[in-house]
Amino acid sequence: MNAPEFERFWAAWPRNQGRYSRKGGKAACLKVWTKNYNFTQADQIIKHVEWLKTTEAWLKDQGAYIPPRWFT
């Protein structure tokens, strides 16, 4: 398992104010992260998430519409 890269991703992903909760989702997200070998591109993924956090769609209504998971 490549937990350091995943932990950086998880910390970068915003906690939205909408109807979705991150509670209980970390284990499922880590499973997908590992299955898809996302750790091999962690820097690019995290950079993209940081950019997404500045977009109008993600800032709308204080982040109420941030998707609960980025990849499945």
PDB file of N, CA and C in Angstrom:
ATOM      1  N   MET A   1       0.847  -1.175   0.000  1.00  0.00           N
ATOM      2  CA  MET A   1       0.000   0.000   0.000  1.00  0.00           C
ATOM      3  C   MET A   1       0.888   1.232   0.000  1.00  0.00           C
ATOM      4  N   ASN A   2       0.480   2.262  -0.688  1.00  0.00           N
ATOM      5  CA  ASN A   2       1.226   3.507  -0.775  1.00  0.00           C
ATOM      6  C   ASN A   2       0.465   4.597  -0.029  1.00  0.00           C
ATOM      7  N   ALA A   3       0.397   4.448   1.264  1.00  0.00           N
ATOM      8  CA  ALA A   3      -0.403   5.323   2.106  1.00  0.00           C
ATOM      9  C   ALA A   3       0.051   6.780   2.117  1.00  0.00           C
ATOM     10  N   PRO A   4       1.355   7.096   2.067  1.00  0.00           N
ATOM     11  CA  PRO A   4       1.725   8.517   2.116  1.00  0.00           C
ATOM     12  C   PRO A   4       1.112   9.346   0.980  1.00  0.00           C
ATOM     13  N   GLU A   5       1.118   8.804  -0.226  1.00  0.00           N
ATOM     14  CA  GLU A   5       0.525   9.511  -1.350  1.00  0.00           C
ATOM     15  C   GLU A   5      -0.984   9.649  -1.173  1.00  0.00           C
ATOM     16  N   PHE A   6      -1.616   8.591  -0.711  1.00  0.00           N
ATOM     17  CA  PHE A   6      -3.053   8.658  -0.491  1.00  0.00           C
ATOM     18  C   PHE A   6      -3.390   9.658   0.601  1.00  0.00           C
ATOM     19  N   GLU A   7      -2.632   9.682   1.669  1.00  0.00           N
ATOM     20  CA  GLU A   7      -2.889  10.628   2.760  1.00  0.00           C
ATOM     21  C   GLU A   7      -2.774  12.068   2.272  1.00  0.00           C
ATOM     22  N   ARG A   8      -1.825  12.335   1.387  1.00  0.00           N
ATOM     23  CA  ARG A   8      -1.700  13.678   0.808  1.00  0.00           C
ATOM     24  C   ARG A   8      -2.933  14.009  -0.030  1.00  0.00           C
ATOM     25  N   PHE A   9      -3.401  13.035  -0.807  1.00  0.00           N
ATOM     26  CA  PHE A   9      -4.612  13.237  -1.601  1.00  0.00           C
ATOM     27  C   PHE A   9      -5.813  13.488  -0.698  1.00  0.00           C
ATOM     28  N   TRP A  10      -5.973  12.664   0.309  1.00  0.00           N
ATOM     29  CA  TRP A  10      -7.122  12.771   1.211  1.00  0.00           C
ATOM     30  C   TRP A  10      -7.129  14.131   1.919  1.00  0.00           C
ATOM     31  N   ALA A  11      -5.957  14.609   2.292  1.00  0.00           N
ATOM     32  CA  ALA A  11      -5.861  15.916   2.949  1.00  0.00           C
ATOM     33  C   ALA A  11      -6.185  17.048   1.970  1.00  0.00           C
ATOM     34  N   ALA A  12      -5.848  16.863   0.695  1.00  0.00           N
ATOM     35  CA  ALA A  12      -6.101  17.897  -0.310  1.00  0.00           C
ATOM     36  C   ALA A  12      -7.573  17.975  -0.693  1.00  0.00           C
ATOM     37  N   TRP A  13      -8.274  16.850  -0.628  1.00  0.00           N
ATOM     38  CA  TRP A  13      -9.674  16.833  -1.031  1.00  0.00           C
ATOM     39  C   TRP A  13     -10.489  17.646  -0.029  1.00  0.00           C
ATOM     40  N   PRO A  14     -11.266  18.630  -0.497  1.00  0.00           N
ATOM     41  CA  PRO A  14     -11.998  19.503   0.433  1.00  0.00           C
ATOM     42  C   PRO A  14     -13.147  18.787   1.132  1.00  0.00           C
ATOM     43  N   ARG A  15     -13.386  19.243   2.317  1.00  0.00           N
ATOM     44  CA  ARG A  15     -14.553  18.773   3.062  1.00  0.00           C
ATOM     45  C   ARG A  15     -15.700  19.689   2.674  1.00  0.00           C
ATOM     46  N   ASN A  16     -16.643  19.157   1.914  1.00  0.00           N
ATOM     47  CA  ASN A  16     -17.703  20.025   1.403  1.00  0.00           C
ATOM     48  C   ASN A  16     -18.753  20.303   2.469  1.00  0.00           C
ATOM     49  N   GLN A  17     -19.539  21.298   2.188  1.00  0.00           N
ATOM     50  CA  GLN A  17     -20.597  21.707   3.099  1.00  0.00           C
ATOM     51  C   GLN A  17     -21.950  21.188   2.629  1.00  0.00           C
ATOM     52  N   GLY A  18     -21.943  20.374   1.610  1.00  0.00           N
ATOM     53  CA  GLY A  18     -23.184  19.878   1.017  1.00  0.00           C
ATOM     54  C   GLY A  18     -23.722  18.656   1.727  1.00  0.00           C
ATOM     55  N   ARG A  19     -24.462  17.887   0.983  1.00  0.00           N
ATOM     56  CA  ARG A  19     -25.152  16.739   1.571  1.00  0.00           C
ATOM     57  C   ARG A  19     -24.264  15.514   1.726  1.00  0.00           C
ATOM     58  N   TYR A  20     -23.099  15.523   1.111  1.00  0.00           N
ATOM     59  CA  TYR A  20     -22.218  14.370   1.183  1.00  0.00           C
ATOM     60  C   TYR A  20     -21.248  14.505   2.339  1.00  0.00           C
ATOM     61  N   SER A  21     -21.011  13.425   3.015  1.00  0.00           N
ATOM     62  CA  SER A  21     -20.056  13.400   4.113  1.00  0.00           C
ATOM     63  C   SER A  21     -18.888  12.510   3.736  1.00  0.00           C
ATOM     64  N   ARG A  22     -17.711  12.886   4.190  1.00  0.00           N
ATOM     65  CA  ARG A  22     -16.536  12.052   3.952  1.00  0.00           C
ATOM     66  C   ARG A  22     -16.446  10.934   4.981  1.00  0.00           C
ATOM     67  N   LYS A  23     -17.264  11.003   6.013  1.00  0.00           N
ATOM     68  CA  LYS A  23     -17.193  10.022   7.082  1.00  0.00           C
ATOM     69  C   LYS A  23     -17.443   8.622   6.526  1.00  0.00           C
ATOM     70  N   GLY A  24     -16.538   7.730   6.802  1.00  0.00           N
ATOM     71  CA  GLY A  24     -16.675   6.357   6.348  1.00  0.00           C
ATOM     72  C   GLY A  24     -16.225   6.131   4.917  1.00  0.00           C
ATOM     73  N   GLY A  25     -15.857   7.182   4.206  1.00  0.00           N
ATOM     74  CA  GLY A  25     -15.472   7.042   2.817  1.00  0.00           C
ATOM     75  C   GLY A  25     -13.990   6.836   2.584  1.00  0.00           C
ATOM     76  N   LYS A  26     -13.192   7.053   3.598  1.00  0.00           N
ATOM     77  CA  LYS A  26     -11.749   6.987   3.415  1.00  0.00           C
ATOM     78  C   LYS A  26     -11.280   5.587   3.025  1.00  0.00           C
ATOM     79  N   ALA A  27     -11.790   4.576   3.681  1.00  0.00           N
ATOM     80  CA  ALA A  27     -11.381   3.200   3.381  1.00  0.00           C
ATOM     81  C   ALA A  27     -11.772   2.814   1.958  1.00  0.00           C
ATOM     82  N   ALA A  28     -12.975   3.184   1.543  1.00  0.00           N
ATOM     83  CA  ALA A  28     -13.431   2.869   0.187  1.00  0.00           C
ATOM     84  C   ALA A  28     -12.595   3.625  -0.841  1.00  0.00           C
ATOM     85  N   CYS A  29     -12.281   4.865  -0.541  1.00  0.00           N
ATOM     86  CA  CYS A  29     -11.473   5.661  -1.454  1.00  0.00           C
ATOM     87  C   CYS A  29     -10.060   5.084  -1.576  1.00  0.00           C
ATOM     88  N   LEU A  30      -9.485   4.671  -0.455  1.00  0.00           N
ATOM     89  CA  LEU A  30      -8.150   4.065  -0.476  1.00  0.00           C
ATOM     90  C   LEU A  30      -8.146   2.787  -1.320  1.00  0.00           C
ATOM     91  N   LYS A  31      -9.209   2.015  -1.224  1.00  0.00           N
ATOM     92  CA  LYS A  31      -9.311   0.780  -2.009  1.00  0.00           C
ATOM     93  C   LYS A  31      -9.282   1.094  -3.510  1.00  0.00           C
ATOM     94  N   VAL A  32     -10.034   2.103  -3.929  1.00  0.00           N
ATOM     95  CA  VAL A  32     -10.062   2.497  -5.336  1.00  0.00           C
ATOM     96  C   VAL A  32      -8.713   3.082  -5.737  1.00  0.00           C
ATOM     97  N   TRP A  33      -8.145   3.916  -4.869  1.00  0.00           N
ATOM     98  CA  TRP A  33      -6.835   4.529  -5.122  1.00  0.00           C
ATOM     99  C   TRP A  33      -5.789   3.448  -5.406  1.00  0.00           C
ATOM    100  N   THR A  34      -5.779   2.413  -4.581  1.00  0.00           N
ATOM    101  CA  THR A  34      -4.810   1.325  -4.727  1.00  0.00           C
ATOM    102  C   THR A  34      -5.105   0.485  -5.966  1.00  0.00           C
ATOM    103  N   LYS A  35      -6.369   0.158  -6.172  1.00  0.00           N
ATOM    104  CA  LYS A  35      -6.772  -0.659  -7.315  1.00  0.00           C
ATOM    105  C   LYS A  35      -6.370  -0.013  -8.640  1.00  0.00           C
ATOM    106  N   ASN A  36      -6.502   1.305  -8.730  1.00  0.00           N
ATOM    107  CA  ASN A  36      -6.221   2.034  -9.968  1.00  0.00           C
ATOM    108  C   ASN A  36      -4.778   2.517 -10.066  1.00  0.00           C
ATOM    109  N   TYR A  37      -3.947   2.124  -9.112  1.00  0.00           N
ATOM    110  CA  TYR A  37      -2.536   2.523  -9.102  1.00  0.00           C
ATOM    111  C   TYR A  37      -2.368   4.046  -9.166  1.00  0.00           C
ATOM    112  N   ASN A  38      -3.262   4.759  -8.516  1.00  0.00           N
ATOM    113  CA  ASN A  38      -3.201   6.219  -8.544  1.00  0.00           C
ATOM    114  C   ASN A  38      -1.965   6.765  -7.859  1.00  0.00           C
ATOM    115  N   PHE A  39      -1.345   5.973  -7.002  1.00  0.00           N
ATOM    116  CA  PHE A  39      -0.133   6.443  -6.328  1.00  0.00           C
ATOM    117  C   PHE A  39       0.974   6.738  -7.334  1.00  0.00           C
ATOM    118  N   THR A  40       0.902   6.156  -8.521  1.00  0.00           N
ATOM    119  CA  THR A  40       1.938   6.396  -9.526  1.00  0.00           C
ATOM    120  C   THR A  40       1.846   7.800 -10.119  1.00  0.00           C
ATOM    121  N   GLN A  41       0.697   8.440  -9.946  1.00  0.00           N
ATOM    122  CA  GLN A  41       0.503   9.789 -10.469  1.00  0.00           C
ATOM    123  C   GLN A  41      -0.016  10.723  -9.386  1.00  0.00           C
ATOM    124  N   ALA A  42       0.343  10.459  -8.150  1.00  0.00           N
ATOM    125  CA  ALA A  42      -0.189  11.206  -7.015  1.00  0.00           C
ATOM    126  C   ALA A  42       0.043  12.706  -7.140  1.00  0.00           C
ATOM    127  N   ASP A  43       1.248  13.108  -7.537  1.00  0.00           N
ATOM    128  CA  ASP A  43       1.542  14.538  -7.632  1.00  0.00           C
ATOM    129  C   ASP A  43       0.611  15.232  -8.632  1.00  0.00           C
ATOM    130  N   GLN A  44       0.391  14.605  -9.774  1.00  0.00           N
ATOM    131  CA  GLN A  44      -0.491  15.197 -10.785  1.00  0.00           C
ATOM    132  C   GLN A  44      -1.936  15.245 -10.293  1.00  0.00           C
ATOM    133  N   ILE A  45      -2.378  14.199  -9.643  1.00  0.00           N
ATOM    134  CA  ILE A  45      -3.751  14.143  -9.134  1.00  0.00           C
ATOM    135  C   ILE A  45      -3.957  15.218  -8.085  1.00  0.00           C
ATOM    136  N   ILE A  46      -3.034  15.347  -7.157  1.00  0.00           N
ATOM    137  CA  ILE A  46      -3.165  16.334  -6.087  1.00  0.00           C
ATOM    138  C   ILE A  46      -3.110  17.752  -6.661  1.00  0.00           C
ATOM    139  N   LYS A  47      -2.245  17.986  -7.615  1.00  0.00           N
ATOM    140  CA  LYS A  47      -2.175  19.302  -8.257  1.00  0.00           C
ATOM    141  C   LYS A  47      -3.507  19.630  -8.925  1.00  0.00           C
ATOM    142  N   HIS A  48      -4.110  18.645  -9.571  1.00  0.00           N
ATOM    143  CA  HIS A  48      -5.404  18.851 -10.225  1.00  0.00           C
ATOM    144  C   HIS A  48      -6.492  19.151  -9.193  1.00  0.00           C
ATOM    145  N   VAL A  49      -6.500  18.452  -8.095  1.00  0.00           N
ATOM    146  CA  VAL A  49      -7.481  18.703  -7.036  1.00  0.00           C
ATOM    147  C   VAL A  49      -7.323  20.126  -6.501  1.00  0.00           C
ATOM    148  N   GLU A  50      -6.074  20.554  -6.301  1.00  0.00           N
ATOM    149  CA  GLU A  50      -5.831  21.919  -5.824  1.00  0.00           C
ATOM    150  C   GLU A  50      -6.385  22.941  -6.813  1.00  0.00           C
ATOM    151  N   TRP A  51      -6.241  22.670  -8.116  1.00  0.00           N
ATOM    152  CA  TRP A  51      -6.805  23.560  -9.122  1.00  0.00           C
ATOM    153  C   TRP A  51      -8.332  23.519  -9.083  1.00  0.00           C
ATOM    154  N   LEU A  52      -8.913  22.330  -8.993  1.00  0.00           N
ATOM    155  CA  LEU A  52     -10.370  22.207  -8.954  1.00  0.00           C
ATOM    156  C   LEU A  52     -10.971  23.009  -7.804  1.00  0.00           C
ATOM    157  N   LYS A  53     -10.260  23.072  -6.687  1.00  0.00           N
ATOM    158  CA  LYS A  53     -10.765  23.807  -5.522  1.00  0.00           C
ATOM    159  C   LYS A  53     -10.882  25.302  -5.792  1.00  0.00           C
ATOM    160  N   THR A  54     -10.285  25.795  -6.862  1.00  0.00           N
ATOM    161  CA  THR A  54     -10.369  27.213  -7.194  1.00  0.00           C
ATOM    162  C   THR A  54     -11.417  27.509  -8.257  1.00  0.00           C
ATOM    163  N   THR A  55     -12.038  26.479  -8.805  1.00  0.00           N
ATOM    164  CA  THR A  55     -13.002  26.683  -9.885  1.00  0.00           C
ATOM    165  C   THR A  55     -14.357  27.140  -9.347  1.00  0.00           C
ATOM    166  N   GLU A  56     -15.079  27.822 -10.212  1.00  0.00           N
ATOM    167  CA  GLU A  56     -16.384  28.363  -9.831  1.00  0.00           C
ATOM    168  C   GLU A  56     -17.347  27.258  -9.385  1.00  0.00           C
ATOM    169  N   ALA A  57     -17.326  26.141 -10.101  1.00  0.00           N
ATOM    170  CA  ALA A  57     -18.244  25.044  -9.767  1.00  0.00           C
ATOM    171  C   ALA A  57     -18.015  24.537  -8.349  1.00  0.00           C
ATOM    172  N   TRP A  58     -16.761  24.454  -7.946  1.00  0.00           N
ATOM    173  CA  TRP A  58     -16.465  23.927  -6.610  1.00  0.00           C
ATOM    174  C   TRP A  58     -16.615  24.983  -5.520  1.00  0.00           C
ATOM    175  N   LEU A  59     -16.577  26.246  -5.896  1.00  0.00           N
ATOM    176  CA  LEU A  59     -16.740  27.312  -4.915  1.00  0.00           C
ATOM    177  C   LEU A  59     -18.204  27.700  -4.717  1.00  0.00           C
ATOM    178  N   LYS A  60     -19.056  27.302  -5.664  1.00  0.00           N
ATOM    179  CA  LYS A  60     -20.473  27.670  -5.618  1.00  0.00           C
ATOM    180  C   LYS A  60     -21.115  27.196  -4.313  1.00  0.00           C
ATOM    181  N   ASP A  61     -21.854  28.084  -3.701  1.00  0.00           N
ATOM    182  CA  ASP A  61     -22.582  27.788  -2.451  1.00  0.00           C
ATOM    183  C   ASP A  61     -21.673  27.163  -1.396  1.00  0.00           C
ATOM    184  N   GLN A  62     -20.487  27.719  -1.244  1.00  0.00           N
ATOM    185  CA  GLN A  62     -19.500  27.289  -0.249  1.00  0.00           C
ATOM    186  C   GLN A  62     -19.134  25.816  -0.380  1.00  0.00           C
ATOM    187  N   GLY A  63     -19.041  25.348  -1.597  1.00  0.00           N
ATOM    188  CA  GLY A  63     -18.610  23.982  -1.834  1.00  0.00           C
ATOM    189  C   GLY A  63     -19.686  22.930  -1.676  1.00  0.00           C
ATOM    190  N   ALA A  64     -20.934  23.339  -1.781  1.00  0.00           N
ATOM    191  CA  ALA A  64     -22.041  22.399  -1.594  1.00  0.00           C
ATOM    192  C   ALA A  64     -22.113  21.335  -2.679  1.00  0.00           C
ATOM    193  N   TYR A  65     -21.460  21.572  -3.812  1.00  0.00           N
ATOM    194  CA  TYR A  65     -21.595  20.651  -4.937  1.00  0.00           C
ATOM    195  C   TYR A  65     -20.310  19.913  -5.273  1.00  0.00           C
ATOM    196  N   ILE A  66     -19.388  19.878  -4.364  1.00  0.00           N
ATOM    197  CA  ILE A  66     -18.167  19.113  -4.577  1.00  0.00           C
ATOM    198  C   ILE A  66     -18.551  17.637  -4.589  1.00  0.00           C
ATOM    199  N   PRO A  67     -18.118  16.905  -5.595  1.00  0.00           N
ATOM    200  CA  PRO A  67     -18.504  15.485  -5.640  1.00  0.00           C
ATOM    201  C   PRO A  67     -17.941  14.711  -4.462  1.00  0.00           C
ATOM    202  N   PRO A  68     -18.685  13.711  -3.979  1.00  0.00           N
ATOM    203  CA  PRO A  68     -18.200  12.939  -2.826  1.00  0.00           C
ATOM    204  C   PRO A  68     -16.952  12.141  -3.130  1.00  0.00           C
ATOM    205  N   ARG A  69     -16.832  11.675  -4.336  1.00  0.00           N
ATOM    206  CA  ARG A  69     -15.627  10.953  -4.773  1.00  0.00           C
ATOM    207  C   ARG A  69     -15.291  11.401  -6.173  1.00  0.00           C
ATOM    208  N   TRP A  70     -14.024  11.516  -6.417  1.00  0.00           N
ATOM    209  CA  TRP A  70     -13.577  11.977  -7.715  1.00  0.00           C
ATOM    210  C   TRP A  70     -13.496  10.819  -8.697  1.00  0.00           C
ATOM    211  N   PHE A  71     -13.085   9.692  -8.260  1.00  0.00           N
ATOM    212  CA  PHE A  71     -12.909   8.553  -9.163  1.00  0.00           C
ATOM    213  C   PHE A  71     -13.547   7.330  -8.550  1.00  0.00           C
ATOM    214  N   THR A  72     -14.001   6.443  -9.427  1.00  0.00           N
ATOM    215  CA  THR A  72     -14.589   5.198  -8.931  1.00  0.00           C
ATOM    216  C   THR A  72     -14.021   4.032  -9.696  1.00  0.00           C
TER     217      THR A  72
END
